[in-house]
Amino acid sequence: MMKRIAALAAPLMLLSACSTTSTISVLESKYQTDQPACQVTFFKKAKPDREFETLAQIESHVQRNVFFGGDAKLEDQAYAELKTKTCNLGGNAVIINDYVESRAAEFSHVHVWATTVKLL
């Protein structure tokens, strides 16, 4: 009986090891999306010093089980998620409005609020 429970529990633990959720509020969508070789610049402490057009507001939450998926970090998993979303919207930069990195039990979290923009 214990072997059967362990066999059922193992896949569930792996499935719950990592998750990412995002909410996107698109404001402008007139640019070509998902360009090949899309390059994204991140502005964490300042806004761009040149003109830009705001495309969307993104709220993203990344969760990792530290035993199975490692730590969730802004510059790693959150930036990767934001880059994908930005490229899909035709943007080329992200302004980090705010973020929180936290840990609860075996889970690490990054919650980030960002603005996707097109540098002109």
N, C-alpha and C. Protein backbone atom coordinates (compact mmCIF):
# COMPACT_ATOMS: atom_id res chain seq x y z
N MET A 1 0.81 -1.20 0.00
CA MET A 1 0.00 0.00 0.00
C MET A 1 0.86 1.27 0.00
N MET A 2 1.92 1.29 0.81
CA MET A 2 2.80 2.46 0.87
C MET A 2 3.51 2.70 -0.46
N LYS A 3 3.89 1.62 -1.14
CA LYS A 3 4.55 1.78 -2.44
C LYS A 3 3.60 2.43 -3.44
N ARG A 4 2.34 2.05 -3.37
CA ARG A 4 1.36 2.61 -4.29
C ARG A 4 1.16 4.11 -4.01
N ILE A 5 1.09 4.47 -2.75
CA ILE A 5 0.93 5.89 -2.39
C ILE A 5 2.16 6.68 -2.82
N ALA A 6 3.34 6.13 -2.60
CA ALA A 6 4.57 6.80 -3.01
C ALA A 6 4.62 6.96 -4.52
N ALA A 7 4.17 5.94 -5.25
CA ALA A 7 4.17 6.00 -6.72
C ALA A 7 3.22 7.07 -7.22
N LEU A 8 2.12 7.28 -6.53
CA LEU A 8 1.17 8.32 -6.93
C LEU A 8 1.63 9.71 -6.48
N ALA A 9 2.30 9.79 -5.36
CA ALA A 9 2.72 11.08 -4.82
C ALA A 9 3.89 11.69 -5.58
N ALA A 10 4.81 10.86 -6.07
CA ALA A 10 6.01 11.37 -6.75
C ALA A 10 5.67 12.24 -7.96
N PRO A 11 4.81 11.79 -8.89
CA PRO A 11 4.50 12.66 -10.03
C PRO A 11 3.79 13.96 -9.62
N LEU A 12 2.95 13.88 -8.59
CA LEU A 12 2.28 15.10 -8.12
C LEU A 12 3.26 16.10 -7.55
N MET A 13 4.27 15.62 -6.85
CA MET A 13 5.29 16.52 -6.32
C MET A 13 6.06 17.20 -7.45
N LEU A 14 6.38 16.46 -8.50
CA LEU A 14 7.11 17.04 -9.62
C LEU A 14 6.26 18.06 -10.36
N LEU A 15 4.96 17.75 -10.52
CA LEU A 15 4.08 18.69 -11.21
C LEU A 15 3.91 19.99 -10.43
N SER A 16 3.96 19.91 -9.11
CA SER A 16 3.78 21.12 -8.31
C SER A 16 5.09 21.84 -8.04
N ALA A 17 6.18 21.39 -8.61
CA ALA A 17 7.49 21.98 -8.33
C ALA A 17 7.64 23.39 -8.89
N CYS A 18 7.06 23.67 -10.04
CA CYS A 18 7.27 24.96 -10.69
C CYS A 18 5.96 25.44 -11.31
N SER A 19 5.72 26.73 -11.25
CA SER A 19 4.57 27.29 -11.94
C SER A 19 4.82 28.76 -12.23
N THR A 20 4.18 29.23 -13.29
CA THR A 20 4.26 30.63 -13.66
C THR A 20 2.87 31.07 -14.11
N THR A 21 2.42 32.19 -13.60
CA THR A 21 1.16 32.77 -14.06
C THR A 21 1.40 34.23 -14.42
N SER A 22 0.70 34.69 -15.44
CA SER A 22 0.85 36.08 -15.88
C SER A 22 -0.51 36.67 -16.23
N THR A 23 -0.65 37.95 -15.98
CA THR A 23 -1.81 38.71 -16.41
C THR A 23 -1.29 39.85 -17.28
N ILE A 24 -1.86 39.96 -18.48
CA ILE A 24 -1.40 40.98 -19.43
C ILE A 24 -2.57 41.89 -19.78
N SER A 25 -2.39 43.19 -19.61
CA SER A 25 -3.37 44.19 -20.03
C SER A 25 -2.78 44.92 -21.23
N VAL A 26 -3.21 44.52 -22.42
CA VAL A 26 -2.66 45.09 -23.65
C VAL A 26 -3.25 46.48 -23.88
N LEU A 27 -2.37 47.44 -24.11
CA LEU A 27 -2.79 48.82 -24.38
C LEU A 27 -2.63 49.18 -25.85
N GLU A 28 -1.66 48.59 -26.51
CA GLU A 28 -1.35 48.89 -27.91
C GLU A 28 -0.79 47.63 -28.56
N SER A 29 -1.27 47.31 -29.77
CA SER A 29 -0.78 46.09 -30.43
C SER A 29 -0.62 46.28 -31.93
N LYS A 30 0.07 47.31 -32.33
CA LYS A 30 0.23 47.58 -33.76
C LYS A 30 1.58 47.13 -34.31
N TYR A 31 2.44 46.55 -33.47
CA TYR A 31 3.77 46.15 -33.92
C TYR A 31 3.83 44.67 -34.24
N GLN A 32 4.77 44.31 -35.10
CA GLN A 32 4.98 42.91 -35.47
C GLN A 32 5.34 42.13 -34.21
N THR A 33 4.69 41.00 -34.06
CA THR A 33 4.92 40.21 -32.85
C THR A 33 5.87 39.06 -33.10
N ASP A 34 6.49 38.62 -32.02
CA ASP A 34 7.36 37.44 -32.01
C ASP A 34 8.41 37.50 -33.12
N GLN A 35 9.13 38.59 -33.19
CA GLN A 35 10.17 38.74 -34.19
C GLN A 35 11.27 37.70 -33.96
N PRO A 36 11.88 37.20 -35.05
CA PRO A 36 13.02 36.31 -34.85
C PRO A 36 14.17 37.11 -34.23
N ALA A 37 14.91 36.52 -33.38
CA ALA A 37 16.05 37.18 -32.71
C ALA A 37 15.60 38.42 -31.95
N CYS A 38 14.48 38.33 -31.28
CA CYS A 38 13.95 39.45 -30.49
C CYS A 38 14.89 39.77 -29.34
N GLN A 39 15.31 41.02 -29.25
CA GLN A 39 16.18 41.49 -28.17
C GLN A 39 15.36 42.39 -27.25
N VAL A 40 15.45 42.14 -25.94
CA VAL A 40 14.69 42.92 -24.97
C VAL A 40 15.65 43.54 -23.96
N THR A 41 15.49 44.84 -23.73
CA THR A 41 16.28 45.55 -22.73
C THR A 41 15.42 45.72 -21.48
N PHE A 42 16.02 45.47 -20.31
CA PHE A 42 15.30 45.60 -19.05
C PHE A 42 15.76 46.85 -18.30
N PHE A 43 14.80 47.61 -17.79
CA PHE A 43 15.07 48.80 -17.00
C PHE A 43 14.51 48.55 -15.60
N LYS A 44 15.42 48.26 -14.68
CA LYS A 44 15.00 47.89 -13.33
C LYS A 44 14.93 49.08 -12.38
N LYS A 45 15.85 50.00 -12.49
CA LYS A 45 15.90 51.12 -11.54
C LYS A 45 15.60 52.47 -12.18
N ALA A 46 15.43 52.51 -13.48
CA ALA A 46 15.18 53.78 -14.18
C ALA A 46 14.35 53.52 -15.43
N LYS A 47 13.76 54.58 -15.93
CA LYS A 47 13.02 54.49 -17.19
C LYS A 47 13.97 54.76 -18.34
N PRO A 48 13.59 54.35 -19.56
CA PRO A 48 14.45 54.62 -20.72
C PRO A 48 14.69 56.12 -20.90
N ASP A 49 15.87 56.45 -21.42
CA ASP A 49 16.21 57.86 -21.62
C ASP A 49 15.83 58.35 -23.01
N ARG A 50 15.05 57.57 -23.72
CA ARG A 50 14.55 58.00 -25.03
C ARG A 50 13.05 57.71 -25.11
N GLU A 51 12.43 58.20 -26.15
CA GLU A 51 10.98 58.05 -26.29
C GLU A 51 10.60 56.58 -26.43
N PHE A 52 9.43 56.27 -25.89
CA PHE A 52 8.91 54.91 -26.01
C PHE A 52 7.39 54.95 -26.03
N GLU A 53 6.81 53.88 -26.54
CA GLU A 53 5.36 53.73 -26.55
C GLU A 53 5.00 52.56 -25.64
N THR A 54 4.06 52.78 -24.74
CA THR A 54 3.64 51.73 -23.83
C THR A 54 2.72 50.76 -24.55
N LEU A 55 3.03 49.46 -24.47
CA LEU A 55 2.25 48.44 -25.14
C LEU A 55 1.34 47.67 -24.18
N ALA A 56 1.84 47.36 -22.98
CA ALA A 56 1.04 46.54 -22.06
C ALA A 56 1.58 46.64 -20.64
N GLN A 57 0.70 46.33 -19.71
CA GLN A 57 1.07 46.16 -18.30
C GLN A 57 1.06 44.66 -18.03
N ILE A 58 2.11 44.16 -17.42
CA ILE A 58 2.21 42.72 -17.14
C ILE A 58 2.41 42.52 -15.65
N GLU A 59 1.64 41.61 -15.10
CA GLU A 59 1.84 41.15 -13.73
C GLU A 59 2.15 39.67 -13.82
N SER A 60 3.28 39.26 -13.29
CA SER A 60 3.72 37.88 -13.43
C SER A 60 4.14 37.32 -12.07
N HIS A 61 3.79 36.08 -11.84
CA HIS A 61 4.16 35.39 -10.61
C HIS A 61 4.86 34.08 -10.98
N VAL A 62 6.09 33.91 -10.50
CA VAL A 62 6.87 32.70 -10.75
C VAL A 62 7.08 32.01 -9.41
N GLN A 63 6.78 30.72 -9.37
CA GLN A 63 6.96 29.93 -8.15
C GLN A 63 7.82 28.72 -8.46
N ARG A 64 8.77 28.43 -7.62
CA ARG A 64 9.64 27.27 -7.78
C ARG A 64 9.73 26.52 -6.45
N ASN A 65 9.72 25.21 -6.54
CA ASN A 65 10.02 24.37 -5.38
C ASN A 65 11.53 24.27 -5.32
N VAL A 66 12.14 24.72 -4.23
CA VAL A 66 13.60 24.79 -4.16
C VAL A 66 14.25 23.42 -4.26
N PHE A 67 13.53 22.36 -3.93
CA PHE A 67 14.10 21.02 -4.01
C PHE A 67 14.05 20.46 -5.43
N PHE A 68 13.05 20.85 -6.22
CA PHE A 68 12.88 20.28 -7.55
C PHE A 68 13.13 21.27 -8.68
N GLY A 69 12.90 22.58 -8.45
CA GLY A 69 13.03 23.55 -9.52
C GLY A 69 14.00 24.67 -9.25
N GLY A 70 14.64 24.68 -8.09
CA GLY A 70 15.58 25.75 -7.76
C GLY A 70 14.88 27.01 -7.29
N ASP A 71 15.64 28.04 -7.03
CA ASP A 71 15.10 29.32 -6.57
C ASP A 71 14.53 30.13 -7.73
N ALA A 72 13.43 30.82 -7.48
CA ALA A 72 12.87 31.75 -8.45
C ALA A 72 13.56 33.10 -8.25
N LYS A 73 14.14 33.65 -9.30
CA LYS A 73 14.87 34.92 -9.24
C LYS A 73 14.35 35.87 -10.31
N LEU A 74 14.36 37.15 -10.01
CA LEU A 74 13.90 38.16 -10.96
C LEU A 74 14.70 38.10 -12.26
N GLU A 75 16.04 38.12 -12.15
CA GLU A 75 16.89 38.19 -13.33
C GLU A 75 16.92 36.89 -14.13
N ASP A 76 16.43 35.80 -13.59
CA ASP A 76 16.44 34.53 -14.31
C ASP A 76 15.04 34.20 -14.85
N GLN A 77 14.24 33.56 -14.04
CA GLN A 77 12.93 33.09 -14.49
C GLN A 77 11.96 34.22 -14.84
N ALA A 78 11.91 35.27 -14.02
CA ALA A 78 10.97 36.36 -14.30
C ALA A 78 11.35 37.11 -15.57
N TYR A 79 12.63 37.40 -15.76
CA TYR A 79 13.06 38.07 -16.99
C TYR A 79 12.76 37.21 -18.21
N ALA A 80 12.97 35.91 -18.11
CA ALA A 80 12.68 35.02 -19.25
C ALA A 80 11.19 35.06 -19.60
N GLU A 81 10.35 35.03 -18.59
CA GLU A 81 8.90 35.11 -18.81
C GLU A 81 8.51 36.45 -19.42
N LEU A 82 9.06 37.54 -18.89
CA LEU A 82 8.74 38.87 -19.41
C LEU A 82 9.26 39.06 -20.83
N LYS A 83 10.42 38.49 -21.13
CA LYS A 83 10.96 38.60 -22.49
C LYS A 83 10.04 37.92 -23.49
N THR A 84 9.56 36.72 -23.15
CA THR A 84 8.65 36.00 -24.04
C THR A 84 7.38 36.82 -24.29
N LYS A 85 6.80 37.34 -23.23
CA LYS A 85 5.57 38.14 -23.37
C LYS A 85 5.83 39.41 -24.18
N THR A 86 6.95 40.07 -23.93
CA THR A 86 7.29 41.31 -24.64
C THR A 86 7.49 41.05 -26.13
N CYS A 87 8.21 40.01 -26.47
CA CYS A 87 8.42 39.67 -27.89
C CYS A 87 7.10 39.34 -28.57
N ASN A 88 6.20 38.65 -27.87
CA ASN A 88 4.90 38.32 -28.44
C ASN A 88 4.04 39.55 -28.68
N LEU A 89 4.30 40.63 -27.96
CA LEU A 89 3.55 41.87 -28.12
C LEU A 89 4.22 42.85 -29.09
N GLY A 90 5.41 42.51 -29.58
CA GLY A 90 6.12 43.39 -30.49
C GLY A 90 6.96 44.44 -29.79
N GLY A 91 7.18 44.27 -28.50
CA GLY A 91 7.98 45.23 -27.74
C GLY A 91 9.46 44.90 -27.79
N ASN A 92 10.27 45.84 -27.28
CA ASN A 92 11.72 45.61 -27.24
C ASN A 92 12.34 46.06 -25.92
N ALA A 93 11.48 46.39 -24.94
CA ALA A 93 12.01 46.78 -23.63
C ALA A 93 10.95 46.53 -22.56
N VAL A 94 11.44 46.35 -21.33
CA VAL A 94 10.56 46.15 -20.18
C VAL A 94 11.01 47.08 -19.06
N ILE A 95 10.06 47.79 -18.49
CA ILE A 95 10.33 48.62 -17.32
C ILE A 95 9.78 47.87 -16.11
N ILE A 96 10.65 47.53 -15.18
CA ILE A 96 10.23 46.85 -13.96
C ILE A 96 9.66 47.92 -13.02
N ASN A 97 8.36 47.87 -12.78
CA ASN A 97 7.71 48.85 -11.90
C ASN A 97 7.92 48.49 -10.43
N ASP A 98 7.81 47.20 -10.12
CA ASP A 98 8.00 46.73 -8.75
C ASP A 98 8.14 45.21 -8.79
N TYR A 99 8.76 44.67 -7.76
CA TYR A 99 8.87 43.22 -7.65
C TYR A 99 9.11 42.82 -6.21
N VAL A 100 8.75 41.57 -5.92
CA VAL A 100 8.96 41.00 -4.59
C VAL A 100 9.51 39.60 -4.78
N GLU A 101 10.64 39.32 -4.15
CA GLU A 101 11.18 37.96 -4.09
C GLU A 101 10.95 37.47 -2.67
N SER A 102 10.34 36.29 -2.53
CA SER A 102 10.05 35.79 -1.20
C SER A 102 10.20 34.27 -1.15
N ARG A 103 10.13 33.75 0.05
CA ARG A 103 10.28 32.32 0.28
C ARG A 103 9.26 31.92 1.34
N ALA A 104 8.57 30.82 1.10
CA ALA A 104 7.64 30.25 2.08
C ALA A 104 7.80 28.73 2.05
N ALA A 105 8.26 28.19 3.16
CA ALA A 105 8.55 26.75 3.27
C ALA A 105 9.53 26.37 2.17
N GLU A 106 9.18 25.39 1.33
CA GLU A 106 10.11 24.96 0.29
C GLU A 106 9.91 25.69 -1.04
N PHE A 107 9.06 26.70 -1.07
CA PHE A 107 8.79 27.43 -2.30
C PHE A 107 9.43 28.81 -2.28
N SER A 108 9.99 29.19 -3.42
CA SER A 108 10.47 30.56 -3.61
C SER A 108 9.59 31.21 -4.67
N HIS A 109 9.35 32.50 -4.51
CA HIS A 109 8.42 33.22 -5.38
C HIS A 109 9.05 34.52 -5.87
N VAL A 110 8.68 34.90 -7.08
CA VAL A 110 8.95 36.25 -7.59
C VAL A 110 7.63 36.77 -8.14
N HIS A 111 7.20 37.90 -7.63
CA HIS A 111 6.01 38.56 -8.15
C HIS A 111 6.49 39.88 -8.73
N VAL A 112 6.21 40.11 -10.01
CA VAL A 112 6.74 41.30 -10.68
C VAL A 112 5.62 42.03 -11.42
N TRP A 113 5.67 43.35 -11.33
CA TRP A 113 4.77 44.23 -12.07
C TRP A 113 5.64 45.01 -13.04
N ALA A 114 5.29 44.94 -14.32
CA ALA A 114 6.16 45.54 -15.34
C ALA A 114 5.34 46.18 -16.45
N THR A 115 6.02 47.03 -17.21
CA THR A 115 5.43 47.68 -18.37
C THR A 115 6.24 47.29 -19.60
N THR A 116 5.56 46.74 -20.59
CA THR A 116 6.20 46.40 -21.86
C THR A 116 6.12 47.62 -22.77
N VAL A 117 7.25 47.99 -23.36
CA VAL A 117 7.29 49.18 -24.22
C VAL A 117 8.01 48.89 -25.53
N LYS A 118 7.78 49.78 -26.47
CA LYS A 118 8.51 49.79 -27.74
C LYS A 118 9.35 51.05 -27.74
N LEU A 119 10.69 50.88 -27.69
CA LEU A 119 11.59 52.03 -27.78
C LEU A 119 11.54 52.57 -29.20
N LEU A 120 11.39 53.88 -29.35
CA LEU A 120 11.26 54.49 -30.69
C LEU A 120 12.58 55.02 -31.18
